[in-house]
């Protein structure tokens, strides 16, 4: 019996790997979208009974091919249950006035334009027929949510994550049957932390309520809460 599928963009990273494992445990087949880390995606797919899928969100052909593959069912998996939009370039840690056009364009293309094209294609080709599906966006506490100020020195990343929130809101407005949700993790103990100065990280870690950063598995659990347990 085939199991419903969930597509994870940026699925080869730490959160993506933990999410794939959690989805498999809940009765789904994870589709692990990756842009560059082929080995990690294939290892995760082998471990979870999922599929690795080349999905560079800066390439229209990758996006369109992914949609076509999920529509035709050539993966010999069940119908698409949803998508987790987790792919994002690493932030450039620079003052606002030094944000480069290239960084802004890359962050916007992956987080906003790429995810919009992907979600639109999945709605039209896979989800609209069944009038059911879940779309979860991975945002960031760095955006400055709940009355807190935005994090400094990550302008392009923060702007793009606000754009991704807009993609989700616009899709929800047009398709009331689409279940949408967002998670906004703070610093998470993954490879992305290497971009920050260790002294800054130590200060941020000490400011966390329990004196540590969240793990990839903990963030994955927050995402998994939006998917029914089919196991």
Protein backbone atom coordinates (compact mmCIF):
# COMPACT_ATOMS: atom_id res chain seq x y z
CA UNK A 1 0.00 0.00 0.00
CA UNK A 2 1.40 3.39 -1.01
CA UNK A 3 1.79 6.06 1.63
CA UNK A 4 0.98 9.77 1.18
CA UNK A 5 3.97 11.91 0.33
CA UNK A 6 5.26 15.17 1.81
CA UNK A 7 7.77 17.29 -0.11
CA UNK A 8 10.49 19.00 1.96
CA UNK A 9 12.43 21.78 0.26
CA UNK A 10 15.90 22.12 1.74
CA UNK A 11 15.42 18.56 2.90
CA UNK A 12 19.10 17.61 3.06
CA UNK A 13 19.86 19.94 6.00
CA UNK A 14 19.70 19.18 9.70
CA UNK A 15 16.07 20.16 10.19
CA UNK A 16 15.12 18.52 6.90
CA UNK A 17 16.76 15.24 7.89
CA UNK A 18 15.02 15.19 11.27
CA UNK A 19 11.73 16.07 9.59
CA UNK A 20 12.05 13.28 7.03
CA UNK A 21 12.59 10.77 9.80
CA UNK A 22 9.59 12.08 11.73
CA UNK A 23 7.33 12.02 8.67
CA UNK A 24 8.30 8.43 7.92
CA UNK A 25 7.46 7.44 11.50
CA UNK A 26 4.02 9.02 11.06
CA UNK A 27 3.19 7.04 7.93
CA UNK A 28 4.32 9.37 5.14
CA UNK A 29 6.86 8.99 2.36
CA UNK A 30 9.22 11.98 2.56
CA UNK A 31 10.35 13.57 -0.70
CA UNK A 32 13.68 15.18 0.13
CA UNK A 33 14.29 18.17 -2.10
CA UNK A 34 17.93 19.24 -2.33
CA UNK A 35 19.95 21.82 -4.22
CA UNK A 36 23.54 20.74 -3.63
CA UNK A 37 24.02 18.12 -0.92
CA UNK A 38 23.20 15.01 -2.93
CA UNK A 39 24.88 12.57 -0.55
CA UNK A 40 22.96 13.79 2.51
CA UNK A 41 19.65 13.70 0.62
CA UNK A 42 20.23 10.19 -0.67
CA UNK A 43 21.31 8.96 2.76
CA UNK A 44 18.18 10.44 4.34
CA UNK A 45 16.00 8.89 1.64
CA UNK A 46 17.55 5.47 2.18
CA UNK A 47 17.10 5.74 5.94
CA UNK A 48 13.45 6.81 5.77
CA UNK A 49 12.14 4.94 2.73
CA UNK A 50 11.76 8.27 0.95
CA UNK A 51 13.00 9.74 -2.30
CA UNK A 52 15.74 12.32 -2.99
CA UNK A 53 14.71 14.94 -5.56
CA UNK A 54 16.95 17.58 -7.16
CA UNK A 55 15.14 20.84 -6.41
CA UNK A 56 17.13 24.04 -6.82
CA UNK A 57 14.59 26.82 -6.26
CA UNK A 58 16.65 29.22 -8.37
CA UNK A 59 15.95 27.01 -11.42
CA UNK A 60 12.49 27.07 -12.99
CA UNK A 61 13.15 23.73 -14.67
CA UNK A 62 13.85 22.04 -11.33
CA UNK A 63 10.63 23.40 -9.88
CA UNK A 64 8.51 22.43 -12.87
CA UNK A 65 10.08 18.98 -13.07
CA UNK A 66 9.39 18.37 -9.39
CA UNK A 67 5.73 19.29 -9.83
CA UNK A 68 5.42 17.07 -12.90
CA UNK A 69 7.05 14.14 -11.11
CA UNK A 70 4.71 14.41 -8.14
CA UNK A 71 1.70 14.75 -10.44
CA UNK A 72 2.47 11.69 -12.54
CA UNK A 73 3.31 9.46 -9.59
CA UNK A 74 6.46 8.04 -11.20
CA UNK A 75 7.97 7.73 -7.70
CA UNK A 76 5.53 4.89 -6.99
CA UNK A 77 4.37 6.69 -3.87
CA UNK A 78 1.00 7.87 -2.69
CA UNK A 79 -0.73 11.21 -3.34
CA UNK A 80 0.84 14.46 -2.19
CA UNK A 81 -0.32 15.37 1.31
CA UNK A 82 1.66 18.57 1.63
CA UNK A 83 4.87 20.55 1.38
CA UNK A 84 7.26 21.99 3.94
CA UNK A 85 9.01 25.09 2.60
CA UNK A 86 12.32 25.00 4.46
CA UNK A 87 14.92 25.80 1.79
CA UNK A 88 16.87 29.01 2.34
CA UNK A 89 20.38 30.26 1.59
CA UNK A 90 22.52 30.97 4.61
CA UNK A 91 22.22 34.56 5.82
CA UNK A 92 25.00 36.99 5.11
CA UNK A 93 25.87 38.63 8.44
CA UNK A 94 26.36 42.25 7.39
CA UNK A 95 24.96 45.66 8.37
CA UNK A 96 21.82 46.76 6.55
CA UNK A 97 23.72 49.32 4.46
CA UNK A 98 26.16 46.67 3.23
CA UNK A 99 23.50 44.22 2.01
CA UNK A 100 24.46 43.37 -1.55
CA UNK A 101 22.02 43.18 -4.48
CA UNK A 102 23.28 39.66 -5.13
CA UNK A 103 22.46 38.44 -1.61
CA UNK A 104 19.05 40.13 -1.69
CA UNK A 105 18.27 38.56 -5.07
CA UNK A 106 19.34 35.08 -3.98
CA UNK A 107 17.39 35.15 -0.72
CA UNK A 108 14.31 36.46 -2.52
CA UNK A 109 14.56 33.93 -5.35
CA UNK A 110 14.76 30.91 -3.03
CA UNK A 111 12.49 31.94 -0.18
CA UNK A 112 9.85 33.84 -2.14
CA UNK A 113 9.83 33.48 -5.93
CA UNK A 114 10.93 29.84 -5.97
CA UNK A 115 8.54 28.74 -3.25
CA UNK A 116 5.68 30.69 -4.84
CA UNK A 117 6.21 28.95 -8.18
CA UNK A 118 6.50 25.58 -6.47
CA UNK A 119 3.42 25.98 -4.27
CA UNK A 120 1.35 27.31 -7.18
CA UNK A 121 2.33 24.31 -9.29
CA UNK A 122 1.57 21.84 -6.52
CA UNK A 123 -1.84 23.42 -5.91
CA UNK A 124 -2.76 23.33 -9.60
CA UNK A 125 -1.37 19.90 -10.44
CA UNK A 126 -1.62 17.86 -7.23
CA UNK A 127 -3.73 19.38 -4.46
CA UNK A 128 -6.65 21.17 -6.12
CA UNK A 129 -8.14 17.94 -7.43
CA UNK A 130 -8.45 16.51 -3.93
CA UNK A 131 -9.26 19.88 -2.30
CA UNK A 132 -6.92 18.96 0.52
CA UNK A 133 -3.31 19.61 1.46
CA UNK A 134 -0.97 21.19 3.97
CA UNK A 135 1.67 23.85 3.37
CA UNK A 136 4.08 24.73 6.18
CA UNK A 137 6.59 27.58 5.92
CA UNK A 138 9.76 27.59 7.99
CA UNK A 139 10.25 31.23 8.98
CA UNK A 140 12.56 32.59 11.69
CA UNK A 141 12.36 34.39 15.00
CA UNK A 142 14.93 36.77 13.51
CA UNK A 143 12.02 38.45 11.70
CA UNK A 144 11.04 40.12 14.96
CA UNK A 145 7.75 38.48 15.88
CA UNK A 146 5.47 38.96 18.85
CA UNK A 147 6.62 42.48 19.54
CA UNK A 148 10.30 41.56 19.62
CA UNK A 149 12.75 43.52 17.44
CA UNK A 150 14.23 41.92 14.36
CA UNK A 151 17.74 40.51 14.60
CA UNK A 152 20.48 42.85 13.37
CA UNK A 153 22.80 42.31 10.41
CA UNK A 154 20.66 39.81 8.44
CA UNK A 155 18.62 42.15 6.24
CA UNK A 156 18.26 40.06 3.08
CA UNK A 157 17.36 36.92 5.03
CA UNK A 158 14.78 38.72 7.17
CA UNK A 159 13.16 40.51 4.22
CA UNK A 160 12.91 37.24 2.30
CA UNK A 161 11.35 35.36 5.22
CA UNK A 162 8.69 38.08 5.48
CA UNK A 163 8.11 37.47 1.77
CA UNK A 164 7.69 33.74 2.37
CA UNK A 165 5.08 34.53 5.02
CA UNK A 166 3.30 36.54 2.34
CA UNK A 167 3.39 33.61 -0.08
CA UNK A 168 1.68 31.44 2.53
CA UNK A 169 -0.94 34.08 3.36
CA UNK A 170 -1.78 34.69 -0.30
CA UNK A 171 -2.22 30.97 -1.00
CA UNK A 172 -4.46 30.58 2.06
CA UNK A 173 -6.61 33.51 0.93
CA UNK A 174 -7.26 32.00 -2.50
CA UNK A 175 -7.65 28.36 -1.41
CA UNK A 176 -9.60 28.04 1.86
CA UNK A 177 -9.30 24.25 1.74
CA UNK A 178 -5.49 24.51 1.96
CA UNK A 179 -4.23 24.07 5.52
CA UNK A 180 -1.39 26.52 6.12
CA UNK A 181 0.95 26.99 9.05
CA UNK A 182 4.30 28.53 9.88
CA UNK A 183 7.00 27.81 12.42
CA UNK A 184 9.50 30.46 13.47
CA UNK A 185 12.46 28.86 15.24
CA UNK A 186 15.15 30.88 16.93
CA UNK A 187 18.80 29.80 16.72
CA UNK A 188 18.93 26.07 16.01
CA UNK A 189 21.92 23.80 16.51
CA UNK A 190 22.68 23.09 12.83
CA UNK A 191 25.51 23.73 10.36
CA UNK A 192 24.09 27.21 9.65
CA UNK A 193 25.43 28.43 13.00
CA UNK A 194 28.95 28.36 11.56
CA UNK A 195 28.32 31.71 9.89
CA UNK A 196 28.21 33.46 13.28
CA UNK A 197 31.06 34.54 15.53
CA UNK A 198 31.45 32.04 18.40
CA UNK A 199 31.38 34.84 20.99
CA UNK A 200 28.07 36.10 19.60
CA UNK A 201 26.63 32.58 19.70
CA UNK A 202 27.69 32.14 23.30
CA UNK A 203 25.91 35.35 24.23
CA UNK A 204 22.76 34.29 22.34
CA UNK A 205 22.86 30.82 23.89
CA UNK A 206 23.04 32.26 27.39
CA UNK A 207 19.96 34.39 26.63
CA UNK A 208 17.84 31.34 25.76
CA UNK A 209 15.37 30.33 28.53
CA UNK A 210 17.10 26.99 29.15
CA UNK A 211 20.62 28.13 28.24
CA UNK A 212 20.82 26.22 24.97
CA UNK A 213 19.69 26.39 21.36
CA UNK A 214 16.90 24.23 19.97
CA UNK A 215 17.88 21.00 18.25
CA UNK A 216 16.89 20.13 14.70
CA UNK A 217 14.63 17.40 16.09
CA UNK A 218 12.78 19.88 18.29
CA UNK A 219 12.10 22.18 15.34
CA UNK A 220 11.01 19.17 13.29
CA UNK A 221 8.52 18.23 16.02
CA UNK A 222 6.95 21.69 15.76
CA UNK A 223 6.50 21.15 12.01
CA UNK A 224 5.21 17.59 12.41
CA UNK A 225 2.44 18.84 14.70
CA UNK A 226 0.72 20.10 11.54
CA UNK A 227 0.58 16.66 9.91
CA UNK A 228 -1.82 13.92 10.94
CA UNK A 229 -0.27 10.78 12.37
CA UNK A 230 -1.14 7.98 9.92
CA UNK A 231 0.98 5.25 11.49
